[in-house]
Amino acid sequence: RIEPLAEEIGGTAVAGDASDIVAAARDALGGTVDVYCANAGLASPGDAFADEEVWAAAWDVNVMAHVRAARALLPQWLERGSGRFVTTASAAGLLTMIGAAPYSVTKHGAVAFAEWLSLTYRHRGVKVHAICPQGVRTDMLTAAGSAGELVLAPGAIEPDA
């Protein structure tokens, strides 16, 4: 879905699993990544009693994928004095989403990590953006069941087909 947009702006889109996307991007781009869009997310409904596995998976995808990407990208960006890290977090990272504690808590973590990256490295040319949309009708949110319906009902953002 991202390829037409990348083509429109003269960029290159590289899709992949959050665990290895930085290496895939470097391979596709000949070693240099100027802008990285961390768009991984895992919808995790539940409360404090959700299984440990649910909490661990949410933490791994919603927070640690960003940390791992930053670890891989920062050395090159700091050396050359520029780089841009764009995190798609969620409005749930700013305001708690009822019925989805693992998701909300870990999206708060994603926002906090983006803020930390910015405060720590902006003076060295690394720019960080945290995008926190309310609700975008995606496969992930549609599959989230009642928690997803709460977000979609008031007026979801409808992505272009």
N, C-alpha and C. Protein backbone atom coordinates (compact mmCIF):
# COMPACT_ATOMS: atom_id res chain seq x y z
N ARG A 1 0.80 -1.21 0.00
CA ARG A 1 0.00 0.00 0.00
C ARG A 1 0.84 1.27 0.00
N ILE A 2 2.04 1.20 0.49
CA ILE A 2 2.86 2.40 0.63
C ILE A 2 3.65 2.74 -0.63
N GLU A 3 3.81 1.77 -1.51
CA GLU A 3 4.63 1.99 -2.70
C GLU A 3 4.17 3.17 -3.54
N PRO A 4 2.85 3.34 -3.82
CA PRO A 4 2.43 4.49 -4.64
C PRO A 4 2.80 5.83 -4.00
N LEU A 5 2.69 5.95 -2.69
CA LEU A 5 3.06 7.19 -2.01
C LEU A 5 4.56 7.44 -2.13
N ALA A 6 5.34 6.41 -1.91
CA ALA A 6 6.80 6.55 -2.02
C ALA A 6 7.18 7.01 -3.42
N GLU A 7 6.55 6.42 -4.42
CA GLU A 7 6.81 6.80 -5.80
C GLU A 7 6.45 8.27 -6.04
N GLU A 8 5.31 8.68 -5.50
CA GLU A 8 4.82 10.05 -5.68
C GLU A 8 5.80 11.09 -5.12
N ILE A 9 6.46 10.78 -4.02
CA ILE A 9 7.37 11.74 -3.39
C ILE A 9 8.84 11.49 -3.74
N GLY A 10 9.08 10.50 -4.61
CA GLY A 10 10.45 10.23 -5.03
C GLY A 10 11.25 9.44 -4.02
N GLY A 11 10.57 8.68 -3.18
CA GLY A 11 11.25 7.89 -2.16
C GLY A 11 11.20 6.41 -2.48
N THR A 12 11.65 5.63 -1.54
CA THR A 12 11.62 4.18 -1.65
C THR A 12 10.96 3.62 -0.41
N ALA A 13 9.96 2.79 -0.59
CA ALA A 13 9.29 2.16 0.55
C ALA A 13 9.82 0.75 0.70
N VAL A 14 10.08 0.37 1.93
CA VAL A 14 10.55 -0.98 2.22
C VAL A 14 9.66 -1.53 3.31
N ALA A 15 8.88 -2.53 2.98
CA ALA A 15 8.00 -3.16 3.96
C ALA A 15 8.70 -4.38 4.54
N GLY A 16 8.39 -4.69 5.78
CA GLY A 16 8.99 -5.87 6.38
C GLY A 16 8.56 -6.03 7.82
N ASP A 17 9.05 -7.06 8.43
CA ASP A 17 8.78 -7.33 9.83
C ASP A 17 9.56 -6.34 10.68
N ALA A 18 8.94 -5.86 11.74
CA ALA A 18 9.58 -4.85 12.59
C ALA A 18 10.91 -5.33 13.17
N SER A 19 11.10 -6.63 13.26
CA SER A 19 12.33 -7.15 13.86
C SER A 19 13.55 -7.02 12.95
N ASP A 20 13.33 -6.91 11.64
CA ASP A 20 14.48 -6.86 10.74
C ASP A 20 14.37 -5.79 9.66
N ILE A 21 13.48 -4.85 9.83
CA ILE A 21 13.21 -3.88 8.77
C ILE A 21 14.38 -2.94 8.51
N VAL A 22 15.14 -2.57 9.52
CA VAL A 22 16.25 -1.64 9.29
C VAL A 22 17.28 -2.27 8.35
N ALA A 23 17.61 -3.53 8.56
CA ALA A 23 18.55 -4.21 7.66
C ALA A 23 17.98 -4.29 6.25
N ALA A 24 16.69 -4.59 6.14
CA ALA A 24 16.07 -4.66 4.82
C ALA A 24 16.09 -3.30 4.14
N ALA A 25 15.85 -2.24 4.89
CA ALA A 25 15.88 -0.89 4.32
C ALA A 25 17.28 -0.52 3.86
N ARG A 26 18.27 -0.84 4.66
CA ARG A 26 19.66 -0.55 4.27
C ARG A 26 20.02 -1.28 2.98
N ASP A 27 19.62 -2.54 2.90
CA ASP A 27 19.91 -3.32 1.69
C ASP A 27 19.25 -2.68 0.47
N ALA A 28 17.98 -2.29 0.62
CA ALA A 28 17.23 -1.72 -0.50
C ALA A 28 17.75 -0.34 -0.90
N LEU A 29 18.29 0.39 0.04
CA LEU A 29 18.71 1.78 -0.21
C LEU A 29 20.21 1.93 -0.38
N GLY A 30 20.93 0.85 -0.44
CA GLY A 30 22.37 0.94 -0.62
C GLY A 30 23.11 1.40 0.62
N GLY A 31 22.57 1.12 1.79
CA GLY A 31 23.27 1.40 3.03
C GLY A 31 22.86 2.64 3.78
N THR A 32 22.14 3.57 3.14
CA THR A 32 21.79 4.82 3.80
C THR A 32 20.29 4.94 4.00
N VAL A 33 19.89 5.22 5.22
CA VAL A 33 18.49 5.46 5.55
C VAL A 33 18.41 6.90 6.06
N ASP A 34 17.68 7.75 5.34
CA ASP A 34 17.54 9.15 5.75
C ASP A 34 16.36 9.34 6.69
N VAL A 35 15.24 8.69 6.36
CA VAL A 35 14.01 8.81 7.14
C VAL A 35 13.52 7.40 7.45
N TYR A 36 13.21 7.17 8.70
CA TYR A 36 12.68 5.87 9.11
C TYR A 36 11.30 6.09 9.72
N CYS A 37 10.31 5.41 9.18
CA CYS A 37 8.95 5.49 9.72
C CYS A 37 8.66 4.21 10.49
N ALA A 38 8.61 4.34 11.81
CA ALA A 38 8.34 3.20 12.68
C ALA A 38 6.82 3.08 12.83
N ASN A 39 6.25 2.22 12.03
CA ASN A 39 4.80 2.13 11.95
C ASN A 39 4.28 0.78 12.44
N ALA A 40 5.09 0.08 13.21
CA ALA A 40 4.66 -1.22 13.74
C ALA A 40 3.65 -1.00 14.85
N GLY A 41 2.70 -1.87 14.94
CA GLY A 41 1.72 -1.77 16.02
C GLY A 41 1.01 -3.09 16.21
N LEU A 42 0.62 -3.35 17.43
CA LEU A 42 -0.11 -4.57 17.77
C LEU A 42 -1.26 -4.18 18.67
N ALA A 43 -2.48 -4.40 18.19
CA ALA A 43 -3.66 -4.10 19.01
C ALA A 43 -3.76 -5.15 20.10
N SER A 44 -3.85 -4.70 21.33
CA SER A 44 -3.85 -5.62 22.46
C SER A 44 -4.95 -5.26 23.44
N PRO A 45 -6.17 -5.78 23.22
CA PRO A 45 -7.22 -5.51 24.19
C PRO A 45 -6.95 -6.26 25.48
N GLY A 46 -7.53 -5.80 26.55
CA GLY A 46 -7.37 -6.47 27.84
C GLY A 46 -7.20 -5.46 28.95
N ASP A 47 -7.11 -6.00 30.15
CA ASP A 47 -6.94 -5.14 31.32
C ASP A 47 -5.70 -5.61 32.08
N ALA A 48 -5.61 -5.26 33.34
CA ALA A 48 -4.44 -5.65 34.14
C ALA A 48 -4.30 -7.16 34.25
N PHE A 49 -5.39 -7.88 34.03
CA PHE A 49 -5.38 -9.34 34.14
C PHE A 49 -5.12 -10.05 32.81
N ALA A 50 -4.82 -9.30 31.76
CA ALA A 50 -4.49 -9.93 30.48
C ALA A 50 -3.27 -10.82 30.67
N ASP A 51 -3.20 -11.88 29.89
CA ASP A 51 -2.08 -12.83 30.00
C ASP A 51 -0.73 -12.14 29.83
N GLU A 52 0.27 -12.69 30.49
CA GLU A 52 1.64 -12.18 30.37
C GLU A 52 2.08 -12.12 28.91
N GLU A 53 1.67 -13.12 28.12
CA GLU A 53 2.07 -13.17 26.72
C GLU A 53 1.51 -11.98 25.94
N VAL A 54 0.29 -11.55 26.28
CA VAL A 54 -0.33 -10.40 25.62
C VAL A 54 0.46 -9.14 25.94
N TRP A 55 0.79 -8.96 27.23
CA TRP A 55 1.58 -7.80 27.64
C TRP A 55 2.97 -7.83 26.99
N ALA A 56 3.60 -8.99 26.97
CA ALA A 56 4.95 -9.11 26.40
C ALA A 56 4.95 -8.82 24.90
N ALA A 57 3.96 -9.34 24.19
CA ALA A 57 3.89 -9.10 22.74
C ALA A 57 3.65 -7.62 22.46
N ALA A 58 2.77 -6.99 23.23
CA ALA A 58 2.50 -5.55 23.05
C ALA A 58 3.77 -4.74 23.31
N TRP A 59 4.49 -5.08 24.36
CA TRP A 59 5.73 -4.36 24.68
C TRP A 59 6.76 -4.55 23.56
N ASP A 60 6.89 -5.77 23.08
CA ASP A 60 7.89 -6.07 22.06
C ASP A 60 7.64 -5.30 20.76
N VAL A 61 6.40 -5.29 20.30
CA VAL A 61 6.09 -4.64 19.03
C VAL A 61 5.91 -3.13 19.20
N ASN A 62 5.17 -2.71 20.21
CA ASN A 62 4.81 -1.29 20.33
C ASN A 62 5.90 -0.41 20.93
N VAL A 63 6.87 -1.00 21.60
CA VAL A 63 7.96 -0.20 22.18
C VAL A 63 9.32 -0.69 21.66
N MET A 64 9.62 -1.95 21.87
CA MET A 64 10.97 -2.43 21.57
C MET A 64 11.31 -2.40 20.08
N ALA A 65 10.32 -2.51 19.20
CA ALA A 65 10.62 -2.39 17.77
C ALA A 65 11.21 -1.01 17.47
N HIS A 66 10.71 0.03 18.16
CA HIS A 66 11.24 1.38 17.98
C HIS A 66 12.65 1.48 18.56
N VAL A 67 12.85 0.88 19.71
CA VAL A 67 14.17 0.91 20.36
C VAL A 67 15.19 0.21 19.47
N ARG A 68 14.84 -0.96 18.97
CA ARG A 68 15.78 -1.71 18.11
C ARG A 68 16.11 -0.94 16.84
N ALA A 69 15.11 -0.31 16.24
CA ALA A 69 15.36 0.48 15.04
C ALA A 69 16.29 1.65 15.34
N ALA A 70 16.05 2.33 16.45
CA ALA A 70 16.91 3.46 16.83
C ALA A 70 18.34 3.00 17.07
N ARG A 71 18.51 1.87 17.73
CA ARG A 71 19.86 1.34 17.96
C ARG A 71 20.60 1.11 16.65
N ALA A 72 19.87 0.62 15.66
CA ALA A 72 20.49 0.31 14.37
C ALA A 72 20.77 1.57 13.55
N LEU A 73 19.94 2.59 13.68
CA LEU A 73 20.05 3.78 12.85
C LEU A 73 20.91 4.88 13.45
N LEU A 74 20.89 5.03 14.76
CA LEU A 74 21.58 6.15 15.39
C LEU A 74 23.07 6.26 15.07
N PRO A 75 23.84 5.19 15.07
CA PRO A 75 25.27 5.37 14.78
C PRO A 75 25.53 6.09 13.46
N GLN A 76 24.84 5.69 12.40
CA GLN A 76 25.02 6.33 11.09
C GLN A 76 24.52 7.78 11.13
N TRP A 77 23.37 8.00 11.73
CA TRP A 77 22.81 9.36 11.78
C TRP A 77 23.69 10.30 12.59
N LEU A 78 24.20 9.82 13.71
CA LEU A 78 25.04 10.67 14.55
C LEU A 78 26.36 10.98 13.85
N GLU A 79 26.89 10.01 13.13
CA GLU A 79 28.14 10.23 12.40
C GLU A 79 27.99 11.30 11.33
N ARG A 80 26.88 11.27 10.61
CA ARG A 80 26.70 12.25 9.52
C ARG A 80 25.96 13.51 9.96
N GLY A 81 25.40 13.50 11.17
CA GLY A 81 24.74 14.69 11.70
C GLY A 81 23.33 14.93 11.22
N SER A 82 22.67 13.87 10.72
CA SER A 82 21.28 14.02 10.31
C SER A 82 20.59 12.67 10.21
N GLY A 83 19.29 12.72 10.42
CA GLY A 83 18.43 11.54 10.32
C GLY A 83 17.06 11.93 10.85
N ARG A 84 16.06 11.21 10.41
CA ARG A 84 14.69 11.53 10.84
C ARG A 84 13.98 10.24 11.22
N PHE A 85 13.48 10.19 12.45
CA PHE A 85 12.79 9.03 13.00
C PHE A 85 11.33 9.42 13.21
N VAL A 86 10.42 8.78 12.49
CA VAL A 86 9.00 9.08 12.58
C VAL A 86 8.31 7.89 13.23
N THR A 87 7.73 8.12 14.40
CA THR A 87 7.02 7.08 15.13
C THR A 87 5.52 7.26 14.97
N THR A 88 4.84 6.25 14.47
CA THR A 88 3.39 6.27 14.52
C THR A 88 3.01 5.60 15.83
N ALA A 89 2.63 6.42 16.80
CA ALA A 89 2.21 5.88 18.10
C ALA A 89 0.70 5.73 18.03
N SER A 90 -0.02 6.55 18.73
CA SER A 90 -1.48 6.48 18.75
C SER A 90 -1.97 7.53 19.72
N ALA A 91 -3.20 7.97 19.53
CA ALA A 91 -3.81 8.84 20.54
C ALA A 91 -3.86 8.09 21.87
N ALA A 92 -3.86 6.76 21.81
CA ALA A 92 -3.84 5.96 23.05
C ALA A 92 -2.53 6.13 23.79
N GLY A 93 -1.52 6.69 23.14
CA GLY A 93 -0.26 7.00 23.81
C GLY A 93 -0.31 8.32 24.54
N LEU A 94 -1.37 9.08 24.33
CA LEU A 94 -1.57 10.36 25.01
C LEU A 94 -2.73 10.28 25.99
N LEU A 95 -3.78 9.59 25.59
CA LEU A 95 -4.98 9.40 26.40
C LEU A 95 -5.23 7.90 26.48
N THR A 96 -5.58 7.41 27.60
CA THR A 96 -5.77 5.97 27.76
C THR A 96 -7.00 5.49 26.99
N MET A 97 -6.86 4.34 26.35
CA MET A 97 -7.95 3.73 25.59
C MET A 97 -8.63 2.69 26.47
N ILE A 98 -9.87 2.91 26.78
CA ILE A 98 -10.63 1.99 27.64
C ILE A 98 -10.71 0.63 26.96
N GLY A 99 -10.46 -0.42 27.73
CA GLY A 99 -10.57 -1.78 27.22
C GLY A 99 -9.30 -2.31 26.56
N ALA A 100 -8.24 -1.53 26.58
CA ALA A 100 -7.01 -1.96 25.91
C ALA A 100 -5.79 -1.51 26.70
N ALA A 101 -5.65 -2.01 27.91
CA ALA A 101 -4.53 -1.60 28.77
C ALA A 101 -3.17 -1.92 28.15
N PRO A 102 -2.92 -3.14 27.66
CA PRO A 102 -1.59 -3.41 27.09
C PRO A 102 -1.27 -2.47 25.93
N TYR A 103 -2.25 -2.19 25.09
CA TYR A 103 -2.05 -1.29 23.96
C TYR A 103 -1.77 0.13 24.44
N SER A 104 -2.62 0.64 25.30
CA SER A 104 -2.46 2.02 25.78
C SER A 104 -1.15 2.24 26.51
N VAL A 105 -0.84 1.33 27.41
CA VAL A 105 0.39 1.48 28.21
C VAL A 105 1.62 1.46 27.31
N THR A 106 1.64 0.55 26.34
CA THR A 106 2.82 0.46 25.49
C THR A 106 2.89 1.60 24.47
N LYS A 107 1.76 2.12 24.05
CA LYS A 107 1.78 3.29 23.17
C LYS A 107 2.25 4.53 23.94
N HIS A 108 1.92 4.62 25.24
CA HIS A 108 2.51 5.67 26.07
C HIS A 108 4.04 5.51 26.06
N GLY A 109 4.50 4.27 26.14
CA GLY A 109 5.94 4.01 26.09
C GLY A 109 6.55 4.43 24.77
N ALA A 110 5.85 4.21 23.66
CA ALA A 110 6.36 4.62 22.35
C ALA A 110 6.49 6.13 22.25
N VAL A 111 5.50 6.85 22.79
CA VAL A 111 5.56 8.31 22.79
C VAL A 111 6.71 8.79 23.66
N ALA A 112 6.86 8.18 24.83
CA ALA A 112 7.95 8.56 25.74
C ALA A 112 9.31 8.30 25.11
N PHE A 113 9.45 7.18 24.40
CA PHE A 113 10.73 6.89 23.75
C PHE A 113 11.03 7.92 22.65
N ALA A 114 10.01 8.29 21.88
CA ALA A 114 10.21 9.31 20.84
C ALA A 114 10.64 10.63 21.47
N GLU A 115 10.00 10.99 22.57
CA GLU A 115 10.37 12.23 23.27
C GLU A 115 11.81 12.14 23.78
N TRP A 116 12.17 11.01 24.34
CA TRP A 116 13.53 10.81 24.84
C TRP A 116 14.55 10.93 23.70
N LEU A 117 14.25 10.26 22.56
CA LEU A 117 15.16 10.34 21.41
C LEU A 117 15.36 11.80 20.99
N SER A 118 14.27 12.53 20.92
CA SER A 118 14.35 13.93 20.50
C SER A 118 15.19 14.76 21.46
N LEU A 119 14.90 14.64 22.74
CA LEU A 119 15.63 15.42 23.74
C LEU A 119 17.11 15.06 23.77
N THR A 120 17.40 13.80 23.54
CA THR A 120 18.78 13.33 23.65
C THR A 120 19.62 13.63 22.41
N TYR A 121 19.03 13.57 21.22
CA TYR A 121 19.82 13.64 20.00
C TYR A 121 19.49 14.80 19.06
N ARG A 122 18.53 15.63 19.37
CA ARG A 122 18.19 16.70 18.42
C ARG A 122 19.35 17.66 18.21
N HIS A 123 20.14 17.89 19.24
CA HIS A 123 21.29 18.79 19.09
C HIS A 123 22.38 18.20 18.19
N ARG A 124 22.21 16.92 17.82
CA ARG A 124 23.19 16.27 16.93
C ARG A 124 22.59 15.99 15.55
N GLY A 125 21.46 16.64 15.25
CA GLY A 125 20.89 16.56 13.91
C GLY A 125 19.82 15.51 13.70
N VAL A 126 19.46 14.77 14.74
CA VAL A 126 18.42 13.75 14.60
C VAL A 126 17.08 14.38 14.95
N LYS A 127 16.16 14.32 14.00
CA LYS A 127 14.82 14.87 14.21
C LYS A 127 13.87 13.71 14.47
N VAL A 128 12.99 13.89 15.44
CA VAL A 128 12.06 12.83 15.84
C VAL A 128 10.64 13.38 15.83
N HIS A 129 9.73 12.61 15.26
CA HIS A 129 8.32 12.99 15.21
C HIS A 129 7.49 11.84 15.76
N ALA A 130 6.52 12.15 16.60
CA ALA A 130 5.57 11.15 17.09
C ALA A 130 4.20 11.52 16.56
N ILE A 131 3.63 10.67 15.75
CA ILE A 131 2.31 10.88 15.19
C ILE A 131 1.33 10.08 16.03
N CYS A 132 0.27 10.73 16.50
CA CYS A 132 -0.67 10.09 17.43
C CYS A 132 -2.10 10.21 16.92
N PRO A 133 -2.45 9.47 15.86
CA PRO A 133 -3.81 9.58 15.33
C PRO A 133 -4.84 8.94 16.26
N GLN A 134 -6.05 9.46 16.22
CA GLN A 134 -7.15 8.92 17.03
C GLN A 134 -7.50 7.51 16.59
N GLY A 135 -7.96 7.37 15.39
CA GLY A 135 -8.33 6.05 14.89
C GLY A 135 -8.27 6.05 13.38
N VAL A 136 -7.58 5.10 12.82
CA VAL A 136 -7.48 4.96 11.38
C VAL A 136 -8.01 3.57 11.05
N ARG A 137 -8.93 3.51 10.12
CA ARG A 137 -9.53 2.22 9.78
C ARG A 137 -8.47 1.37 9.07
N THR A 138 -7.82 0.53 9.85
CA THR A 138 -6.81 -0.40 9.34
C THR A 138 -7.24 -1.81 9.69
N ASP A 139 -6.57 -2.79 9.12
CA ASP A 139 -6.87 -4.18 9.45
C ASP A 139 -6.70 -4.42 10.95
N MET A 140 -5.65 -3.81 11.54
CA MET A 140 -5.38 -4.02 12.96
C MET A 140 -6.53 -3.52 13.83
N LEU A 141 -7.01 -2.32 13.56
CA LEU A 141 -8.06 -1.75 14.40
C LEU A 141 -9.40 -2.43 14.15
N THR A 142 -9.67 -2.81 12.92
CA THR A 142 -10.90 -3.51 12.61
C THR A 142 -10.94 -4.86 13.32
N ALA A 143 -9.78 -5.52 13.42
CA ALA A 143 -9.71 -6.84 14.06
C ALA A 143 -9.67 -6.77 15.58
N ALA A 144 -9.60 -5.56 16.15
CA ALA A 144 -9.45 -5.42 17.60
C ALA A 144 -10.75 -5.64 18.36
N GLY A 145 -11.83 -5.94 17.66
CA GLY A 145 -13.09 -6.24 18.33
C GLY A 145 -13.72 -5.01 18.95
N SER A 146 -14.29 -5.18 20.15
CA SER A 146 -15.04 -4.10 20.78
C SER A 146 -14.16 -2.89 21.09
N ALA A 147 -12.90 -3.11 21.45
CA ALA A 147 -12.00 -1.98 21.71
C ALA A 147 -11.79 -1.17 20.44
N GLY A 148 -11.66 -1.83 19.32
CA GLY A 148 -11.50 -1.13 18.05
C GLY A 148 -12.77 -0.40 17.65
N GLU A 149 -13.92 -1.01 17.92
CA GLU A 149 -15.20 -0.37 17.60
C GLU A 149 -15.37 0.94 18.36
N LEU A 150 -14.91 0.99 19.60
CA LEU A 150 -15.00 2.22 20.39
C LEU A 150 -14.25 3.36 19.70
N VAL A 151 -13.12 3.05 19.12
CA VAL A 151 -12.31 4.08 18.47
C VAL A 151 -12.88 4.44 17.10
N LEU A 152 -13.35 3.45 16.36
CA LEU A 152 -13.84 3.69 15.01
C LEU A 152 -15.18 4.40 14.99
N ALA A 153 -16.04 4.16 15.97
CA ALA A 153 -17.40 4.69 15.96
C ALA A 153 -17.48 6.21 15.85
N PRO A 154 -16.71 6.98 16.63
CA PRO A 154 -16.90 8.43 16.60
C PRO A 154 -16.41 9.12 15.33
N GLY A 155 -15.71 8.46 14.49
CA GLY A 155 -15.23 9.12 13.27
C GLY A 155 -13.82 8.74 12.92
N ALA A 156 -13.64 7.54 12.46
CA ALA A 156 -12.30 7.06 12.10
C ALA A 156 -11.78 7.80 10.89
N ILE A 157 -10.47 7.90 10.81
CA ILE A 157 -9.82 8.42 9.62
C ILE A 157 -9.88 7.31 8.58
N GLU A 158 -10.33 7.64 7.40
CA GLU A 158 -10.45 6.65 6.34
C GLU A 158 -9.27 6.82 5.39
N PRO A 159 -8.33 5.87 5.39
CA PRO A 159 -7.19 6.00 4.47
C PRO A 159 -7.65 5.88 3.02
N ASP A 160 -6.94 6.55 2.13
CA ASP A 160 -7.24 6.43 0.71
C ASP A 160 -7.03 5.00 0.28
N ALA A 161 -7.88 4.54 -0.62
CA ALA A 161 -7.78 3.15 -1.10
C ALA A 161 -6.55 2.95 -1.94
